[in-house]
Amino acid sequence: MVKPIAFADNLAKTPLAERVNQLQKTAPDTDQRQAAQIADALRVQKHREAQPTEKTDEAIIHRDKEHAQQESKEKKQEKDADKEKKSGLDVTG
């Protein structure tokens, strides 16, 4: 037979044991939820920060500028050649 003191002690400890068991069951879900929140916060932070540009973009811009400068030089040379032809001087010979 069970002593009355042990029986009361067991009844008092039952809610605590149930609470511990419940926390142990939900611990993996809680860990997963926290990991998802951290990953989401990192993703948002990464999108807010400016990303450095690659050097390929810079090379394309410089190539375009050089191409435009070369075209303007060629046009200027053509204008100069046309002016010389109109003035009657032949520089090529």
PDB file of N, CA and C in Angstrom:
ATOM      1  N   MET A   1       0.817  -1.162   0.000  1.00  0.00           N
ATOM      2  CA  MET A   1       0.000   0.000   0.000  1.00  0.00           C
ATOM      3  C   MET A   1       0.883   1.255   0.000  1.00  0.00           C
ATOM      4  N   VAL A   2       0.381   2.317  -0.597  1.00  0.00           N
ATOM      5  CA  VAL A   2       1.127   3.555  -0.759  1.00  0.00           C
ATOM      6  C   VAL A   2       0.867   4.454   0.451  1.00  0.00           C
ATOM      7  N   LYS A   3       1.927   5.030   0.934  1.00  0.00           N
ATOM      8  CA  LYS A   3       1.796   5.954   2.049  1.00  0.00           C
ATOM      9  C   LYS A   3       1.127   7.242   1.570  1.00  0.00           C
ATOM     10  N   PRO A   4       0.343   7.891   2.384  1.00  0.00           N
ATOM     11  CA  PRO A   4      -0.341   9.114   1.976  1.00  0.00           C
ATOM     12  C   PRO A   4       0.619  10.249   1.601  1.00  0.00           C
ATOM     13  N   ILE A   5       1.774  10.334   2.238  1.00  0.00           N
ATOM     14  CA  ILE A   5       2.727  11.405   1.936  1.00  0.00           C
ATOM     15  C   ILE A   5       3.328  11.196   0.552  1.00  0.00           C
ATOM     16  N   ALA A   6       3.702   9.978   0.217  1.00  0.00           N
ATOM     17  CA  ALA A   6       4.275   9.676  -1.092  1.00  0.00           C
ATOM     18  C   ALA A   6       3.254   9.920  -2.186  1.00  0.00           C
ATOM     19  N   PHE A   7       1.990   9.602  -1.908  1.00  0.00           N
ATOM     20  CA  PHE A   7       0.937   9.795  -2.895  1.00  0.00           C
ATOM     21  C   PHE A   7       0.755  11.290  -3.181  1.00  0.00           C
ATOM     22  N   ALA A   8       0.728  12.125  -2.179  1.00  0.00           N
ATOM     23  CA  ALA A   8       0.585  13.573  -2.345  1.00  0.00           C
ATOM     24  C   ALA A   8       1.807  14.151  -3.063  1.00  0.00           C
ATOM     25  N   ASP A   9       2.972  13.625  -2.745  1.00  0.00           N
ATOM     26  CA  ASP A   9       4.200  14.090  -3.393  1.00  0.00           C
ATOM     27  C   ASP A   9       4.171  13.763  -4.877  1.00  0.00           C
ATOM     28  N   ASN A  10       3.724  12.571  -5.213  1.00  0.00           N
ATOM     29  CA  ASN A  10       3.626  12.176  -6.627  1.00  0.00           C
ATOM     30  C   ASN A  10       2.622  13.036  -7.383  1.00  0.00           C
ATOM     31  N   LEU A  11       1.516  13.357  -6.772  1.00  0.00           N
ATOM     32  CA  LEU A  11       0.514  14.208  -7.419  1.00  0.00           C
ATOM     33  C   LEU A  11       1.057  15.629  -7.638  1.00  0.00           C
ATOM     34  N   ALA A  12       1.850  16.108  -6.727  1.00  0.00           N
ATOM     35  CA  ALA A  12       2.410  17.451  -6.855  1.00  0.00           C
ATOM     36  C   ALA A  12       3.453  17.514  -7.963  1.00  0.00           C
ATOM     37  N   LYS A  13       4.169  16.430  -8.169  1.00  0.00           N
ATOM     38  CA  LYS A  13       5.229  16.411  -9.185  1.00  0.00           C
ATOM     39  C   LYS A  13       4.697  16.114 -10.587  1.00  0.00           C
ATOM     40  N   THR A  14       3.524  15.598 -10.736  1.00  0.00           N
ATOM     41  CA  THR A  14       2.987  15.211 -12.040  1.00  0.00           C
ATOM     42  C   THR A  14       2.883  16.385 -13.010  1.00  0.00           C
ATOM     43  N   PRO A  15       2.347  17.539 -12.659  1.00  0.00           N
ATOM     44  CA  PRO A  15       2.282  18.656 -13.620  1.00  0.00           C
ATOM     45  C   PRO A  15       3.669  19.104 -14.087  1.00  0.00           C
ATOM     46  N   LEU A  16       4.638  19.085 -13.196  1.00  0.00           N
ATOM     47  CA  LEU A  16       5.989  19.467 -13.590  1.00  0.00           C
ATOM     48  C   LEU A  16       6.567  18.471 -14.587  1.00  0.00           C
ATOM     49  N   ALA A  17       6.345  17.191 -14.345  1.00  0.00           N
ATOM     50  CA  ALA A  17       6.851  16.175 -15.267  1.00  0.00           C
ATOM     51  C   ALA A  17       6.184  16.305 -16.635  1.00  0.00           C
ATOM     52  N   GLU A  18       4.883  16.573 -16.609  1.00  0.00           N
ATOM     53  CA  GLU A  18       4.177  16.750 -17.878  1.00  0.00           C
ATOM     54  C   GLU A  18       4.712  17.973 -18.626  1.00  0.00           C
ATOM     55  N   ARG A  19       4.997  19.038 -17.898  1.00  0.00           N
ATOM     56  CA  ARG A  19       5.521  20.248 -18.516  1.00  0.00           C
ATOM     57  C   ARG A  19       6.905  19.985 -19.122  1.00  0.00           C
ATOM     58  N   VAL A  20       7.754  19.259 -18.414  1.00  0.00           N
ATOM     59  CA  VAL A  20       9.083  18.924 -18.924  1.00  0.00           C
ATOM     60  C   VAL A  20       8.963  18.070 -20.176  1.00  0.00           C
ATOM     61  N   ASN A  21       8.092  17.088 -20.155  1.00  0.00           N
ATOM     62  CA  ASN A  21       7.893  16.236 -21.338  1.00  0.00           C
ATOM     63  C   ASN A  21       7.390  17.048 -22.527  1.00  0.00           C
ATOM     64  N   GLN A  22       6.476  17.959 -22.252  1.00  0.00           N
ATOM     65  CA  GLN A  22       5.944  18.788 -23.336  1.00  0.00           C
ATOM     66  C   GLN A  22       7.035  19.684 -23.915  1.00  0.00           C
ATOM     67  N   LEU A  23       7.881  20.262 -23.074  1.00  0.00           N
ATOM     68  CA  LEU A  23       8.974  21.105 -23.552  1.00  0.00           C
ATOM     69  C   LEU A  23       9.980  20.299 -24.371  1.00  0.00           C
ATOM     70  N   GLN A  24      10.242  19.086 -23.946  1.00  0.00           N
ATOM     71  CA  GLN A  24      11.175  18.239 -24.698  1.00  0.00           C
ATOM     72  C   GLN A  24      10.608  17.863 -26.062  1.00  0.00           C
ATOM     73  N   LYS A  25       9.310  17.687 -26.138  1.00  0.00           N
ATOM     74  CA  LYS A  25       8.691  17.359 -27.425  1.00  0.00           C
ATOM     75  C   LYS A  25       8.700  18.556 -28.377  1.00  0.00           C
ATOM     76  N   THR A  26       8.524  19.748 -27.846  1.00  0.00           N
ATOM     77  CA  THR A  26       8.459  20.931 -28.703  1.00  0.00           C
ATOM     78  C   THR A  26       9.828  21.556 -28.951  1.00  0.00           C
ATOM     79  N   ALA A  27      10.867  21.081 -28.305  1.00  0.00           N
ATOM     80  CA  ALA A  27      12.200  21.673 -28.470  1.00  0.00           C
ATOM     81  C   ALA A  27      12.684  21.649 -29.925  1.00  0.00           C
ATOM     82  N   PRO A  28      12.553  20.530 -30.645  1.00  0.00           N
ATOM     83  CA  PRO A  28      13.011  20.548 -32.053  1.00  0.00           C
ATOM     84  C   PRO A  28      12.245  21.570 -32.903  1.00  0.00           C
ATOM     85  N   ASP A  29      10.937  21.696 -32.671  1.00  0.00           N
ATOM     86  CA  ASP A  29      10.157  22.685 -33.424  1.00  0.00           C
ATOM     87  C   ASP A  29      10.621  24.098 -33.107  1.00  0.00           C
ATOM     88  N   THR A  30      10.899  24.349 -31.847  1.00  0.00           N
ATOM     89  CA  THR A  30      11.371  25.668 -31.436  1.00  0.00           C
ATOM     90  C   THR A  30      12.729  25.975 -32.059  1.00  0.00           C
ATOM     91  N   ASP A  31      13.619  25.004 -32.056  1.00  0.00           N
ATOM     92  CA  ASP A  31      14.939  25.205 -32.661  1.00  0.00           C
ATOM     93  C   ASP A  31      14.824  25.493 -34.153  1.00  0.00           C
ATOM     94  N   GLN A  32      13.951  24.742 -34.818  1.00  0.00           N
ATOM     95  CA  GLN A  32      13.773  24.944 -36.249  1.00  0.00           C
ATOM     96  C   GLN A  32      13.179  26.327 -36.530  1.00  0.00           C
ATOM     97  N   ARG A  33      12.239  26.740 -35.719  1.00  0.00           N
ATOM     98  CA  ARG A  33      11.612  28.051 -35.895  1.00  0.00           C
ATOM     99  C   ARG A  33      12.644  29.172 -35.686  1.00  0.00           C
ATOM    100  N   GLN A  34      13.483  29.023 -34.670  1.00  0.00           N
ATOM    101  CA  GLN A  34      14.504  30.036 -34.425  1.00  0.00           C
ATOM    102  C   GLN A  34      15.517  30.091 -35.565  1.00  0.00           C
ATOM    103  N   ALA A  35      15.911  28.932 -36.081  1.00  0.00           N
ATOM    104  CA  ALA A  35      16.857  28.899 -37.201  1.00  0.00           C
ATOM    105  C   ALA A  35      16.250  29.558 -38.436  1.00  0.00           C
ATOM    106  N   ALA A  36      14.972  29.334 -38.669  1.00  0.00           N
ATOM    107  CA  ALA A  36      14.300  29.948 -39.812  1.00  0.00           C
ATOM    108  C   ALA A  36      14.232  31.467 -39.646  1.00  0.00           C
ATOM    109  N   GLN A  37      13.978  31.935 -38.433  1.00  0.00           N
ATOM    110  CA  GLN A  37      13.923  33.373 -38.188  1.00  0.00           C
ATOM    111  C   GLN A  37      15.286  34.014 -38.399  1.00  0.00           C
ATOM    112  N   ILE A  38      16.345  33.362 -37.943  1.00  0.00           N
ATOM    113  CA  ILE A  38      17.696  33.892 -38.124  1.00  0.00           C
ATOM    114  C   ILE A  38      18.051  33.932 -39.605  1.00  0.00           C
ATOM    115  N   ALA A  39      17.730  32.862 -40.339  1.00  0.00           N
ATOM    116  CA  ALA A  39      18.020  32.818 -41.771  1.00  0.00           C
ATOM    117  C   ALA A  39      17.249  33.915 -42.511  1.00  0.00           C
ATOM    118  N   ASP A  40      16.008  34.138 -42.126  1.00  0.00           N
ATOM    119  CA  ASP A  40      15.207  35.177 -42.769  1.00  0.00           C
ATOM    120  C   ASP A  40      15.785  36.561 -42.482  1.00  0.00           C
ATOM    121  N   ALA A  41      16.219  36.789 -41.255  1.00  0.00           N
ATOM    122  CA  ALA A  41      16.814  38.082 -40.901  1.00  0.00           C
ATOM    123  C   ALA A  41      18.107  38.317 -41.678  1.00  0.00           C
ATOM    124  N   LEU A  42      18.920  37.285 -41.841  1.00  0.00           N
ATOM    125  CA  LEU A  42      20.154  37.412 -42.616  1.00  0.00           C
ATOM    126  C   LEU A  42      19.867  37.685 -44.087  1.00  0.00           C
ATOM    127  N   ARG A  43      18.836  37.045 -44.612  1.00  0.00           N
ATOM    128  CA  ARG A  43      18.461  37.256 -46.010  1.00  0.00           C
ATOM    129  C   ARG A  43      18.019  38.695 -46.237  1.00  0.00           C
ATOM    130  N   VAL A  44      17.209  39.223 -45.331  1.00  0.00           N
ATOM    131  CA  VAL A  44      16.743  40.602 -45.454  1.00  0.00           C
ATOM    132  C   VAL A  44      17.920  41.570 -45.344  1.00  0.00           C
ATOM    133  N   GLN A  45      18.828  41.305 -44.412  1.00  0.00           N
ATOM    134  CA  GLN A  45      19.988  42.173 -44.244  1.00  0.00           C
ATOM    135  C   GLN A  45      20.867  42.150 -45.492  1.00  0.00           C
ATOM    136  N   LYS A  46      21.042  40.983 -46.083  1.00  0.00           N
ATOM    137  CA  LYS A  46      21.868  40.853 -47.283  1.00  0.00           C
ATOM    138  C   LYS A  46      21.270  41.632 -48.449  1.00  0.00           C
ATOM    139  N   HIS A  47      19.948  41.629 -48.562  1.00  0.00           N
ATOM    140  CA  HIS A  47      19.296  42.359 -49.652  1.00  0.00           C
ATOM    141  C   HIS A  47      19.370  43.865 -49.443  1.00  0.00           C
ATOM    142  N   ARG A  48      19.445  44.308 -48.196  1.00  0.00           N
ATOM    143  CA  ARG A  48      19.521  45.741 -47.931  1.00  0.00           C
ATOM    144  C   ARG A  48      20.905  46.302 -48.200  1.00  0.00           C
ATOM    145  N   GLU A  49      21.933  45.488 -48.060  1.00  0.00           N
ATOM    146  CA  GLU A  49      23.300  45.965 -48.255  1.00  0.00           C
ATOM    147  C   GLU A  49      23.617  46.052 -49.741  1.00  0.00           C
ATOM    148  N   ALA A  50      24.431  47.004 -50.097  1.00  0.00           N
ATOM    149  CA  ALA A  50      24.837  47.175 -51.489  1.00  0.00           C
ATOM    150  C   ALA A  50      25.889  46.129 -51.834  1.00  0.00           C
ATOM    151  N   GLN A  51      25.741  45.542 -52.994  1.00  0.00           N
ATOM    152  CA  GLN A  51      26.694  44.543 -53.449  1.00  0.00           C
ATOM    153  C   GLN A  51      27.757  45.221 -54.303  1.00  0.00           C
ATOM    154  N   PRO A  52      29.020  44.850 -54.131  1.00  0.00           N
ATOM    155  CA  PRO A  52      30.073  45.460 -54.959  1.00  0.00           C
ATOM    156  C   PRO A  52      29.920  45.041 -56.422  1.00  0.00           C
ATOM    157  N   THR A  53      30.228  45.967 -57.313  1.00  0.00           N
ATOM    158  CA  THR A  53      30.119  45.663 -58.737  1.00  0.00           C
ATOM    159  C   THR A  53      31.308  44.831 -59.187  1.00  0.00           C
ATOM    160  N   GLU A  54      31.093  44.102 -60.247  1.00  0.00           N
ATOM    161  CA  GLU A  54      32.170  43.281 -60.792  1.00  0.00           C
ATOM    162  C   GLU A  54      33.019  44.116 -61.740  1.00  0.00           C
ATOM    163  N   LYS A  55      34.239  43.691 -61.956  1.00  0.00           N
ATOM    164  CA  LYS A  55      35.154  44.424 -62.833  1.00  0.00           C
ATOM    165  C   LYS A  55      34.727  44.325 -64.295  1.00  0.00           C
ATOM    166  N   THR A  56      33.935  43.321 -64.655  1.00  0.00           N
ATOM    167  CA  THR A  56      33.510  43.184 -66.050  1.00  0.00           C
ATOM    168  C   THR A  56      32.657  44.364 -66.472  1.00  0.00           C
ATOM    169  N   ASP A  57      31.814  44.873 -65.568  1.00  0.00           N
ATOM    170  CA  ASP A  57      31.006  46.040 -65.899  1.00  0.00           C
ATOM    171  C   ASP A  57      31.893  47.240 -66.187  1.00  0.00           C
ATOM    172  N   GLU A  58      32.924  47.393 -65.405  1.00  0.00           N
ATOM    173  CA  GLU A  58      33.842  48.512 -65.580  1.00  0.00           C
ATOM    174  C   GLU A  58      34.555  48.407 -66.925  1.00  0.00           C
ATOM    175  N   ALA A  59      34.954  47.200 -67.303  1.00  0.00           N
ATOM    176  CA  ALA A  59      35.643  47.007 -68.575  1.00  0.00           C
ATOM    177  C   ALA A  59      34.725  47.343 -69.746  1.00  0.00           C
ATOM    178  N   ILE A  60      33.476  46.992 -69.657  1.00  0.00           N
ATOM    179  CA  ILE A  60      32.528  47.283 -70.732  1.00  0.00           C
ATOM    180  C   ILE A  60      32.340  48.788 -70.854  1.00  0.00           C
ATOM    181  N   ILE A  61      32.235  49.471 -69.741  1.00  0.00           N
ATOM    182  CA  ILE A  61      32.052  50.922 -69.776  1.00  0.00           C
ATOM    183  C   ILE A  61      33.261  51.591 -70.418  1.00  0.00           C
ATOM    184  N   HIS A  62      34.471  51.174 -70.018  1.00  0.00           N
ATOM    185  CA  HIS A  62      35.683  51.759 -70.593  1.00  0.00           C
ATOM    186  C   HIS A  62      35.772  51.467 -72.086  1.00  0.00           C
ATOM    187  N   ARG A  63      35.401  50.264 -72.494  1.00  0.00           N
ATOM    188  CA  ARG A  63      35.456  49.917 -73.912  1.00  0.00           C
ATOM    189  C   ARG A  63      34.484  50.791 -74.694  1.00  0.00           C
ATOM    190  N   ASP A  64      33.301  51.026 -74.152  1.00  0.00           N
ATOM    191  CA  ASP A  64      32.330  51.883 -74.829  1.00  0.00           C
ATOM    192  C   ASP A  64      32.838  53.317 -74.935  1.00  0.00           C
ATOM    193  N   LYS A  65      33.466  53.819 -73.876  1.00  0.00           N
ATOM    194  CA  LYS A  65      34.010  55.176 -73.917  1.00  0.00           C
ATOM    195  C   LYS A  65      35.120  55.283 -74.952  1.00  0.00           C
ATOM    196  N   GLU A  66      35.999  54.282 -74.994  1.00  0.00           N
ATOM    197  CA  GLU A  66      37.094  54.294 -75.969  1.00  0.00           C
ATOM    198  C   GLU A  66      36.547  54.248 -77.387  1.00  0.00           C
ATOM    199  N   HIS A  67      35.516  53.452 -77.584  1.00  0.00           N
ATOM    200  CA  HIS A  67      34.907  53.342 -78.909  1.00  0.00           C
ATOM    201  C   HIS A  67      34.309  54.688 -79.322  1.00  0.00           C
ATOM    202  N   ALA A  68      33.640  55.364 -78.410  1.00  0.00           N
ATOM    203  CA  ALA A  68      33.049  56.671 -78.714  1.00  0.00           C
ATOM    204  C   ALA A  68      34.129  57.702 -78.997  1.00  0.00           C
ATOM    205  N   GLN A  69      35.218  57.667 -78.233  1.00  0.00           N
ATOM    206  CA  GLN A  69      36.315  58.604 -78.467  1.00  0.00           C
ATOM    207  C   GLN A  69      36.963  58.351 -79.824  1.00  0.00           C
ATOM    208  N   GLN A  70      37.112  57.090 -80.176  1.00  0.00           N
ATOM    209  CA  GLN A  70      37.727  56.750 -81.457  1.00  0.00           C
ATOM    210  C   GLN A  70      36.840  57.231 -82.607  1.00  0.00           C
ATOM    211  N   GLU A  71      35.536  57.073 -82.472  1.00  0.00           N
ATOM    212  CA  GLU A  71      34.628  57.533 -83.510  1.00  0.00           C
ATOM    213  C   GLU A  71      34.699  59.051 -83.659  1.00  0.00           C
ATOM    214  N   SER A  72      34.775  59.749 -82.526  1.00  0.00           N
ATOM    215  CA  SER A  72      34.840  61.206 -82.624  1.00  0.00           C
ATOM    216  C   SER A  72      36.154  61.651 -83.273  1.00  0.00           C
ATOM    217  N   LYS A  73      37.242  60.947 -83.005  1.00  0.00           N
ATOM    218  CA  LYS A  73      38.521  61.274 -83.649  1.00  0.00           C
ATOM    219  C   LYS A  73      38.450  61.042 -85.153  1.00  0.00           C
ATOM    220  N   GLU A  74      37.830  59.932 -85.555  1.00  0.00           N
ATOM    221  CA  GLU A  74      37.701  59.628 -86.981  1.00  0.00           C
ATOM    222  C   GLU A  74      36.854  60.688 -87.687  1.00  0.00           C
ATOM    223  N   LYS A  75      35.780  61.123 -87.045  1.00  0.00           N
ATOM    224  CA  LYS A  75      34.934  62.158 -87.644  1.00  0.00           C
ATOM    225  C   LYS A  75      35.695  63.466 -87.782  1.00  0.00           C
ATOM    226  N   LYS A  76      36.489  63.776 -86.769  1.00  0.00           N
ATOM    227  CA  LYS A  76      37.278  65.009 -86.814  1.00  0.00           C
ATOM    228  C   LYS A  76      38.296  64.933 -87.944  1.00  0.00           C
ATOM    229  N   GLN A  77      38.938  63.781 -88.117  1.00  0.00           N
ATOM    230  CA  GLN A  77      39.914  63.621 -89.206  1.00  0.00           C
ATOM    231  C   GLN A  77      39.238  63.742 -90.558  1.00  0.00           C
ATOM    232  N   GLU A  78      38.019  63.192 -90.683  1.00  0.00           N
ATOM    233  CA  GLU A  78      37.290  63.293 -91.940  1.00  0.00           C
ATOM    234  C   GLU A  78      36.943  64.761 -92.235  1.00  0.00           C
ATOM    235  N   LYS A  79      36.543  65.502 -91.195  1.00  0.00           N
ATOM    236  CA  LYS A  79      36.221  66.912 -91.392  1.00  0.00           C
ATOM    237  C   LYS A  79      37.464  67.683 -91.827  1.00  0.00           C
ATOM    238  N   ASP A  80      38.589  67.388 -91.187  1.00  0.00           N
ATOM    239  CA  ASP A  80      39.836  68.063 -91.548  1.00  0.00           C
ATOM    240  C   ASP A  80      40.224  67.736 -92.993  1.00  0.00           C
ATOM    241  N   ALA A  81      40.050  66.493 -93.403  1.00  0.00           N
ATOM    242  CA  ALA A  81      40.384  66.089 -94.772  1.00  0.00           C
ATOM    243  C   ALA A  81      39.458  66.781 -95.764  1.00  0.00           C
ATOM    244  N   ASP A  82      38.186  66.888 -95.423  1.00  0.00           N
ATOM    245  CA  ASP A  82      37.237  67.582 -96.303  1.00  0.00           C
ATOM    246  C   ASP A  82      37.592  69.061 -96.435  1.00  0.00           C
ATOM    247  N   LYS A  83      37.998  69.689 -95.345  1.00  0.00           N
ATOM    248  CA  LYS A  83      38.389  71.107 -95.387  1.00  0.00           C
ATOM    249  C   LYS A  83      39.614  71.311 -96.268  1.00  0.00           C
ATOM    250  N   GLU A  84      40.574  70.377 -96.189  1.00  0.00           N
ATOM    251  CA  GLU A  84      41.789  70.499 -96.991  1.00  0.00           C
ATOM    252  C   GLU A  84      41.475  70.308 -98.472  1.00  0.00           C
ATOM    253  N   LYS A  85      40.555  69.403 -98.792  1.00  0.00           N
ATOM    254  CA  LYS A  85      40.178  69.199-100.188  1.00  0.00           C
ATOM    255  C   LYS A  85      39.477  70.423-100.732  1.00  0.00           C
ATOM    256  N   LYS A  86      38.641  71.045 -99.914  1.00  0.00           N
ATOM    257  CA  LYS A  86      37.933  72.238-100.365  1.00  0.00           C
ATOM    258  C   LYS A  86      38.892  73.412-100.553  1.00  0.00           C
ATOM    259  N   SER A  87      39.935  73.462 -99.792  1.00  0.00           N
ATOM    260  CA  SER A  87      40.875  74.577 -99.921  1.00  0.00           C
ATOM    261  C   SER A  87      41.830  74.370-101.083  1.00  0.00           C
ATOM    262  N   GLY A  88      41.864  73.145-101.633  1.00  0.00           N
ATOM    263  CA  GLY A  88      42.688  72.891-102.786  1.00  0.00           C
ATOM    264  C   GLY A  88      44.064  72.325-102.450  1.00  0.00           C
ATOM    265  N   LEU A  89      44.340  72.126-101.230  1.00  0.00           N
ATOM    266  CA  LEU A  89      45.641  71.559-100.854  1.00  0.00           C
ATOM    267  C   LEU A  89      45.534  70.047-100.808  1.00  0.00           C
ATOM    268  N   ASP A  90      46.536  69.373-101.348  1.00  0.00           N
ATOM    269  CA  ASP A  90      46.569  67.917-101.323  1.00  0.00           C
ATOM    270  C   ASP A  90      47.702  67.506-100.397  1.00  0.00           C
ATOM    271  N   VAL A  91      47.360  67.005 -99.226  1.00  0.00           N
ATOM    272  CA  VAL A  91      48.345  66.662 -98.223  1.00  0.00           C
ATOM    273  C   VAL A  91      48.785  65.223 -98.396  1.00  0.00           C
ATOM    274  N   THR A  92      48.028  64.400 -99.063  1.00  0.00           N
ATOM    275  CA  THR A  92      48.322  62.974 -99.164  1.00  0.00           C
ATOM    276  C   THR A  92      49.516  62.694-100.052  1.00  0.00           C
ATOM    277  N   GLY A  93      49.856  63.507-100.998  1.00  0.00           N
ATOM    278  CA  GLY A  93      50.854  63.252-101.999  1.00  0.00           C
ATOM    279  C   GLY A  93      52.217  63.507-101.574  1.00  0.00           C
TER     280      GLY A  93
END
